[in-house]
Amino acid sequence: VQLVESGGGLVQAGGPLTLSCAASGRTFSRY
């Protein structure tokens, strides 16, 4: 399984942020 994260950055305390992880490959994981 190949995994690529995105969405990180600089944010002020109290703020929101969303991280994504795209998975690819012929076989996927259980979790």
PDB file of all heavy atoms in Angstrom:
ATOM      1  N   VAL A   1       0.847  -1.180   0.000  1.00  0.00           N
ATOM      2  CA  VAL A   1       0.000   0.000   0.000  1.00  0.00           C
ATOM      3  C   VAL A   1       0.888   1.238   0.000  1.00  0.00           C
ATOM      4  O   VAL A   1       1.787   1.375   0.831  1.00  0.00           O
ATOM      5  CB  VAL A   1      -0.931   0.021   1.219  1.00  0.00           C
ATOM      6  CG1 VAL A   1      -1.780   1.285   1.220  1.00  0.00           C
ATOM      7  CG2 VAL A   1      -1.818  -1.213   1.221  1.00  0.00           C
ATOM      8  N   GLN A   2       0.619   2.136  -0.935  1.00  0.00           N
ATOM      9  CA  GLN A   2       1.316   3.410  -0.995  1.00  0.00           C
ATOM     10  C   GLN A   2       0.431   4.487  -0.377  1.00  0.00           C
ATOM     11  O   GLN A   2      -0.757   4.584  -0.701  1.00  0.00           O
ATOM     12  CB  GLN A   2       1.658   3.774  -2.433  1.00  0.00           C
ATOM     13  CG  GLN A   2       2.443   2.707  -3.184  1.00  0.00           C
ATOM     14  CD  GLN A   2       3.823   2.503  -2.627  1.00  0.00           C
ATOM     15  OE1 GLN A   2       4.462   3.461  -2.170  1.00  0.00           O
ATOM     16  NE2 GLN A   2       4.304   1.276  -2.673  1.00  0.00           N
ATOM     17  N   LEU A   3       1.005   5.307   0.492  1.00  0.00           N
ATOM     18  CA  LEU A   3       0.256   6.319   1.225  1.00  0.00           C
ATOM     19  C   LEU A   3       0.894   7.687   1.029  1.00  0.00           C
ATOM     20  O   LEU A   3       2.108   7.827   1.152  1.00  0.00           O
ATOM     21  CB  LEU A   3       0.215   5.987   2.716  1.00  0.00           C
ATOM     22  CG  LEU A   3      -0.349   4.612   3.090  1.00  0.00           C
ATOM     23  CD1 LEU A   3      -0.122   4.340   4.573  1.00  0.00           C
ATOM     24  CD2 LEU A   3      -1.833   4.547   2.762  1.00  0.00           C
ATOM     25  N   VAL A   4       0.060   8.679   0.751  1.00  0.00           N
ATOM     26  CA  VAL A   4       0.527  10.045   0.554  1.00  0.00           C
ATOM     27  C   VAL A   4      -0.340  10.983   1.371  1.00  0.00           C
ATOM     28  O   VAL A   4      -1.533  11.110   1.110  1.00  0.00           O
ATOM     29  CB  VAL A   4       0.500  10.452  -0.924  1.00  0.00           C
ATOM     30  CG1 VAL A   4       1.001  11.887  -1.080  1.00  0.00           C
ATOM     31  CG2 VAL A   4       1.351   9.509  -1.762  1.00  0.00           C
ATOM     32  N   GLU A   5       0.271  11.661   2.355  1.00  0.00           N
ATOM     33  CA  GLU A   5      -0.443  12.617   3.191  1.00  0.00           C
ATOM     34  C   GLU A   5      -0.414  14.005   2.564  1.00  0.00           C
ATOM     35  O   GLU A   5       0.515  14.358   1.836  1.00  0.00           O
ATOM     36  CB  GLU A   5       0.166  12.699   4.594  1.00  0.00           C
ATOM     37  CG  GLU A   5       0.200  11.389   5.350  1.00  0.00           C
ATOM     38  CD  GLU A   5       1.554  10.722   5.282  1.00  0.00           C
ATOM     39  OE1 GLU A   5       2.266  10.932   4.265  1.00  0.00           O
ATOM     40  OE2 GLU A   5       1.917  10.007   6.232  1.00  0.00           O
ATOM     41  N   SER A   6      -1.424  14.798   2.901  1.00  0.00           N
ATOM     42  CA  SER A   6      -1.478  16.185   2.482  1.00  0.00           C
ATOM     43  C   SER A   6      -2.340  16.955   3.466  1.00  0.00           C
ATOM     44  O   SER A   6      -3.087  16.373   4.250  1.00  0.00           O
ATOM     45  CB  SER A   6      -2.028  16.323   1.064  1.00  0.00           C
ATOM     46  OG  SER A   6      -3.359  15.843   0.987  1.00  0.00           O
ATOM     47  N   GLY A   7      -2.246  18.276   3.422  1.00  0.00           N
ATOM     48  CA  GLY A   7      -3.095  19.133   4.238  1.00  0.00           C
ATOM     49  C   GLY A   7      -2.417  19.790   5.415  1.00  0.00           C
ATOM     50  O   GLY A   7      -3.029  20.620   6.090  1.00  0.00           O
ATOM     51  N   GLY A   8      -1.173  19.452   5.684  1.00  0.00           N
ATOM     52  CA  GLY A   8      -0.471  20.072   6.793  1.00  0.00           C
ATOM     53  C   GLY A   8      -0.140  21.521   6.510  1.00  0.00           C
ATOM     54  O   GLY A   8      -0.221  21.987   5.374  1.00  0.00           O
ATOM     55  N   GLY A   9       0.226  22.237   7.562  1.00  0.00           N
ATOM     56  CA  GLY A   9       0.573  23.633   7.411  1.00  0.00           C
ATOM     57  C   GLY A   9       0.632  24.338   8.741  1.00  0.00           C
ATOM     58  O   GLY A   9       0.639  23.714   9.801  1.00  0.00           O
ATOM     59  N   LEU A  10       0.669  25.669   8.685  1.00  0.00           N
ATOM     60  CA  LEU A  10       0.721  26.518   9.868  1.00  0.00           C
ATOM     61  C   LEU A  10      -0.681  26.995  10.212  1.00  0.00           C
ATOM     62  O   LEU A  10      -1.392  27.499   9.343  1.00  0.00           O
ATOM     63  CB  LEU A  10       1.640  27.710   9.616  1.00  0.00           C
ATOM     64  CG  LEU A  10       1.742  28.764  10.721  1.00  0.00           C
ATOM     65  CD1 LEU A  10       2.350  28.156  11.981  1.00  0.00           C
ATOM     66  CD2 LEU A  10       2.553  29.950  10.241  1.00  0.00           C
ATOM     67  N   VAL A  11      -1.061  26.845  11.478  1.00  0.00           N
ATOM     68  CA  VAL A  11      -2.384  27.244  11.927  1.00  0.00           C
ATOM     69  C   VAL A  11      -2.283  27.816  13.331  1.00  0.00           C
ATOM     70  O   VAL A  11      -1.437  27.397  14.121  1.00  0.00           O
ATOM     71  CB  VAL A  11      -3.364  26.049  11.878  1.00  0.00           C
ATOM     72  CG1 VAL A  11      -2.900  24.941  12.819  1.00  0.00           C
ATOM     73  CG2 VAL A  11      -4.778  26.485  12.209  1.00  0.00           C
ATOM     74  N   GLN A  12      -3.126  28.786  13.642  1.00  0.00           N
ATOM     75  CA  GLN A  12      -3.153  29.367  14.979  1.00  0.00           C
ATOM     76  C   GLN A  12      -3.834  28.436  15.964  1.00  0.00           C
ATOM     77  O   GLN A  12      -4.688  27.626  15.590  1.00  0.00           O
ATOM     78  CB  GLN A  12      -3.876  30.713  14.964  1.00  0.00           C
ATOM     79  CG  GLN A  12      -3.134  31.821  14.244  1.00  0.00           C
ATOM     80  CD  GLN A  12      -3.808  33.171  14.397  1.00  0.00           C
ATOM     81  OE1 GLN A  12      -4.970  33.253  14.775  1.00  0.00           O
ATOM     82  NE2 GLN A  12      -3.075  34.230  14.112  1.00  0.00           N
ATOM     83  N   ALA A  13      -3.451  28.547  17.223  1.00  0.00           N
ATOM     84  CA  ALA A  13      -4.075  27.749  18.270  1.00  0.00           C
ATOM     85  C   ALA A  13      -5.586  27.948  18.260  1.00  0.00           C
ATOM     86  O   ALA A  13      -6.074  29.066  18.136  1.00  0.00           O
ATOM     87  CB  ALA A  13      -3.495  28.110  19.627  1.00  0.00           C
ATOM     88  N   GLY A  14      -6.302  26.842  18.400  1.00  0.00           N
ATOM     89  CA  GLY A  14      -7.752  26.875  18.380  1.00  0.00           C
ATOM     90  C   GLY A  14      -8.353  26.643  17.020  1.00  0.00           C
ATOM     91  O   GLY A  14      -9.556  26.369  16.917  1.00  0.00           O
ATOM     92  N   GLY A  15      -7.546  26.733  15.988  1.00  0.00           N
ATOM     93  CA  GLY A  15      -8.049  26.605  14.644  1.00  0.00           C
ATOM     94  C   GLY A  15      -8.199  25.173  14.197  1.00  0.00           C
ATOM     95  O   GLY A  15      -7.701  24.242  14.834  1.00  0.00           O
ATOM     96  N   PRO A  16      -8.873  24.983  13.068  1.00  0.00           N
ATOM     97  CA  PRO A  16      -9.051  23.660  12.491  1.00  0.00           C
ATOM     98  C   PRO A  16      -8.060  23.383  11.369  1.00  0.00           C
ATOM     99  O   PRO A  16      -7.500  24.302  10.772  1.00  0.00           O
ATOM    100  CB  PRO A  16     -10.474  23.716  11.941  1.00  0.00           C
ATOM    101  CG  PRO A  16     -10.599  25.126  11.450  1.00  0.00           C
ATOM    102  CD  PRO A  16      -9.737  25.973  12.383  1.00  0.00           C
ATOM    103  N   LEU A  17      -7.886  22.125  11.092  1.00  0.00           N
ATOM    104  CA  LEU A  17      -7.058  21.682   9.984  1.00  0.00           C
ATOM    105  C   LEU A  17      -7.513  20.289   9.589  1.00  0.00           C
ATOM    106  O   LEU A  17      -7.883  19.484  10.450  1.00  0.00           O
ATOM    107  CB  LEU A  17      -5.587  21.677  10.385  1.00  0.00           C
ATOM    108  CG  LEU A  17      -4.546  21.645   9.260  1.00  0.00           C
ATOM    109  CD1 LEU A  17      -4.588  22.943   8.463  1.00  0.00           C
ATOM    110  CD2 LEU A  17      -3.156  21.434   9.831  1.00  0.00           C
ATOM    111  N   THR A  18      -7.482  20.003   8.311  1.00  0.00           N
ATOM    112  CA  THR A  18      -7.871  18.696   7.810  1.00  0.00           C
ATOM    113  C   THR A  18      -6.711  18.052   7.078  1.00  0.00           C
ATOM    114  O   THR A  18      -6.133  18.649   6.164  1.00  0.00           O
ATOM    115  CB  THR A  18      -9.076  18.802   6.862  1.00  0.00           C
ATOM    116  OG1 THR A  18     -10.185  19.380   7.552  1.00  0.00           O
ATOM    117  CG2 THR A  18      -9.487  17.418   6.376  1.00  0.00           C
ATOM    118  N   LEU A  19      -6.371  16.847   7.471  1.00  0.00           N
ATOM    119  CA  LEU A  19      -5.327  16.073   6.822  1.00  0.00           C
ATOM    120  C   LEU A  19      -5.957  14.964   5.998  1.00  0.00           C
ATOM    121  O   LEU A  19      -6.953  14.365   6.406  1.00  0.00           O
ATOM    122  CB  LEU A  19      -4.378  15.467   7.851  1.00  0.00           C
ATOM    123  CG  LEU A  19      -3.737  16.419   8.862  1.00  0.00           C
ATOM    124  CD1 LEU A  19      -2.788  15.651   9.774  1.00  0.00           C
ATOM    125  CD2 LEU A  19      -3.011  17.547   8.158  1.00  0.00           C
ATOM    126  N   SER A  20      -5.369  14.695   4.854  1.00  0.00           N
ATOM    127  CA  SER A  20      -5.837  13.630   3.979  1.00  0.00           C
ATOM    128  C   SER A  20      -4.718  12.645   3.718  1.00  0.00           C
ATOM    129  O   SER A  20      -3.542  13.010   3.704  1.00  0.00           O
ATOM    130  CB  SER A  20      -6.340  14.196   2.647  1.00  0.00           C
ATOM    131  OG  SER A  20      -7.421  15.073   2.838  1.00  0.00           O
ATOM    132  N   CYS A  21      -5.095  11.412   3.502  1.00  0.00           N
ATOM    133  CA  CYS A  21      -4.144  10.359   3.181  1.00  0.00           C
ATOM    134  C   CYS A  21      -4.725   9.526   2.055  1.00  0.00           C
ATOM    135  O   CYS A  21      -5.722   8.819   2.241  1.00  0.00           O
ATOM    136  CB  CYS A  21      -3.867   9.497   4.405  1.00  0.00           C
ATOM    137  SG  CYS A  21      -2.826   8.055   4.091  1.00  0.00           S
ATOM    138  N   ALA A  22      -4.107   9.605   0.902  1.00  0.00           N
ATOM    139  CA  ALA A  22      -4.553   8.854  -0.264  1.00  0.00           C
ATOM    140  C   ALA A  22      -3.773   7.549  -0.354  1.00  0.00           C
ATOM    141  O   ALA A  22      -2.540   7.553  -0.333  1.00  0.00           O
ATOM    142  CB  ALA A  22      -4.359   9.671  -1.531  1.00  0.00           C
ATOM    143  N   ALA A  23      -4.497   6.447  -0.454  1.00  0.00           N
ATOM    144  CA  ALA A  23      -3.897   5.126  -0.520  1.00  0.00           C
ATOM    145  C   ALA A  23      -4.032   4.558  -1.919  1.00  0.00           C
ATOM    146  O   ALA A  23      -5.055   4.730  -2.582  1.00  0.00           O
ATOM    147  CB  ALA A  23      -4.549   4.180   0.486  1.00  0.00           C
ATOM    148  N   SER A  24      -3.009   3.873  -2.352  1.00  0.00           N
ATOM    149  CA  SER A  24      -3.038   3.225  -3.656  1.00  0.00           C
ATOM    150  C   SER A  24      -2.286   1.906  -3.588  1.00  0.00           C
ATOM    151  O   SER A  24      -1.511   1.663  -2.668  1.00  0.00           O
ATOM    152  CB  SER A  24      -2.445   4.132  -4.733  1.00  0.00           C
ATOM    153  OG  SER A  24      -1.079   4.412  -4.475  1.00  0.00           O
ATOM    154  N   GLY A  25      -2.534   1.064  -4.568  1.00  0.00           N
ATOM    155  CA  GLY A  25      -1.913  -0.242  -4.607  1.00  0.00           C
ATOM    156  C   GLY A  25      -2.940  -1.319  -4.893  1.00  0.00           C
ATOM    157  O   GLY A  25      -4.139  -1.115  -4.694  1.00  0.00           O
ATOM    158  N   ARG A  26      -2.467  -2.444  -5.340  1.00  0.00           N
ATOM    159  CA  ARG A  26      -3.370  -3.527  -5.717  1.00  0.00           C
ATOM    160  C   ARG A  26      -3.957  -4.235  -4.507  1.00  0.00           C
ATOM    161  O   ARG A  26      -5.019  -4.853  -4.605  1.00  0.00           O
ATOM    162  CB  ARG A  26      -2.631  -4.518  -6.615  1.00  0.00           C
ATOM    163  CG  ARG A  26      -2.098  -3.900  -7.900  1.00  0.00           C
ATOM    164  CD  ARG A  26      -1.481  -4.933  -8.796  1.00  0.00           C
ATOM    165  NE  ARG A  26      -2.488  -5.833  -9.343  1.00  0.00           N
ATOM    166  CZ  ARG A  26      -2.222  -6.812 -10.205  1.00  0.00           C
ATOM    167  NH1 ARG A  26      -0.979  -7.000 -10.618  1.00  0.00           N
ATOM    168  NH2 ARG A  26      -3.196  -7.578 -10.652  1.00  0.00           N
ATOM    169  N   THR A  27      -3.296  -4.169  -3.366  1.00  0.00           N
ATOM    170  CA  THR A  27      -3.782  -4.761  -2.130  1.00  0.00           C
ATOM    171  C   THR A  27      -3.954  -3.687  -1.075  1.00  0.00           C
ATOM    172  O   THR A  27      -3.027  -2.911  -0.833  1.00  0.00           O
ATOM    173  CB  THR A  27      -2.814  -5.830  -1.617  1.00  0.00           C
ATOM    174  OG1 THR A  27      -2.639  -6.841  -2.610  1.00  0.00           O
ATOM    175  CG2 THR A  27      -3.355  -6.480  -0.351  1.00  0.00           C
ATOM    176  N   PHE A  28      -5.125  -3.650  -0.459  1.00  0.00           N
ATOM    177  CA  PHE A  28      -5.388  -2.650   0.560  1.00  0.00           C
ATOM    178  C   PHE A  28      -5.380  -3.285   1.946  1.00  0.00           C
ATOM    179  O   PHE A  28      -5.440  -4.502   2.100  1.00  0.00           O
ATOM    180  CB  PHE A  28      -6.717  -1.954   0.299  1.00  0.00           C
ATOM    181  CG  PHE A  28      -6.790  -0.557   0.836  1.00  0.00           C
ATOM    182  CD1 PHE A  28      -5.644   0.182   1.086  1.00  0.00           C
ATOM    183  CD2 PHE A  28      -8.019   0.029   1.103  1.00  0.00           C
ATOM    184  CE1 PHE A  28      -5.712   1.468   1.581  1.00  0.00           C
ATOM    185  CE2 PHE A  28      -8.106   1.323   1.594  1.00  0.00           C
ATOM    186  CZ  PHE A  28      -6.949   2.040   1.831  1.00  0.00           C
ATOM    187  N   SER A  29      -5.325  -2.439   2.946  1.00  0.00           N
ATOM    188  CA  SER A  29      -5.196  -2.879   4.323  1.00  0.00           C
ATOM    189  C   SER A  29      -6.560  -3.069   4.970  1.00  0.00           C
ATOM    190  O   SER A  29      -7.590  -2.680   4.418  1.00  0.00           O
ATOM    191  CB  SER A  29      -4.379  -1.864   5.112  1.00  0.00           C
ATOM    192  OG  SER A  29      -5.028  -0.598   5.091  1.00  0.00           O
ATOM    193  N   ARG A  30      -6.565  -3.660   6.174  1.00  0.00           N
ATOM    194  CA  ARG A  30      -7.789  -3.820   6.937  1.00  0.00           C
ATOM    195  C   ARG A  30      -8.134  -2.562   7.719  1.00  0.00           C
ATOM    196  O   ARG A  30      -9.304  -2.339   8.029  1.00  0.00           O
ATOM    197  CB  ARG A  30      -7.668  -5.002   7.889  1.00  0.00           C
ATOM    198  CG  ARG A  30      -7.531  -6.344   7.194  1.00  0.00           C
ATOM    199  CD  ARG A  30      -7.366  -7.453   8.197  1.00  0.00           C
ATOM    200  NE  ARG A  30      -7.210  -8.750   7.548  1.00  0.00           N
ATOM    201  CZ  ARG A  30      -6.962  -9.869   8.182  1.00  0.00           C
ATOM    202  NH1 ARG A  30      -6.827  -9.873   9.510  1.00  0.00           N
ATOM    203  NH2 ARG A  30      -6.832 -10.997   7.507  1.00  0.00           N
ATOM    204  N   TYR A  31      -7.125  -1.760   8.035  1.00  0.00           N
ATOM    205  CA  TYR A  31      -7.358  -0.552   8.796  1.00  0.00           C
ATOM    206  C   TYR A  31      -6.290   0.473   8.467  1.00  0.00           C
ATOM    207  O   TYR A  31      -5.227   0.152   7.934  1.00  0.00           O
ATOM    208  CB  TYR A  31      -7.370  -0.835  10.308  1.00  0.00           C
ATOM    209  CG  TYR A  31      -6.187  -1.633  10.798  1.00  0.00           C
ATOM    210  CD1 TYR A  31      -4.978  -1.014  11.072  1.00  0.00           C
ATOM    211  CD2 TYR A  31      -6.294  -3.006  10.986  1.00  0.00           C
ATOM    212  CE1 TYR A  31      -3.896  -1.751  11.514  1.00  0.00           C
ATOM    213  CE2 TYR A  31      -5.222  -3.742  11.430  1.00  0.00           C
ATOM    214  CZ  TYR A  31      -4.026  -3.116  11.694  1.00  0.00           C
ATOM    215  OH  TYR A  31      -2.948  -3.851  12.137  1.00  0.00           O
TER     216      TYR A  31
END
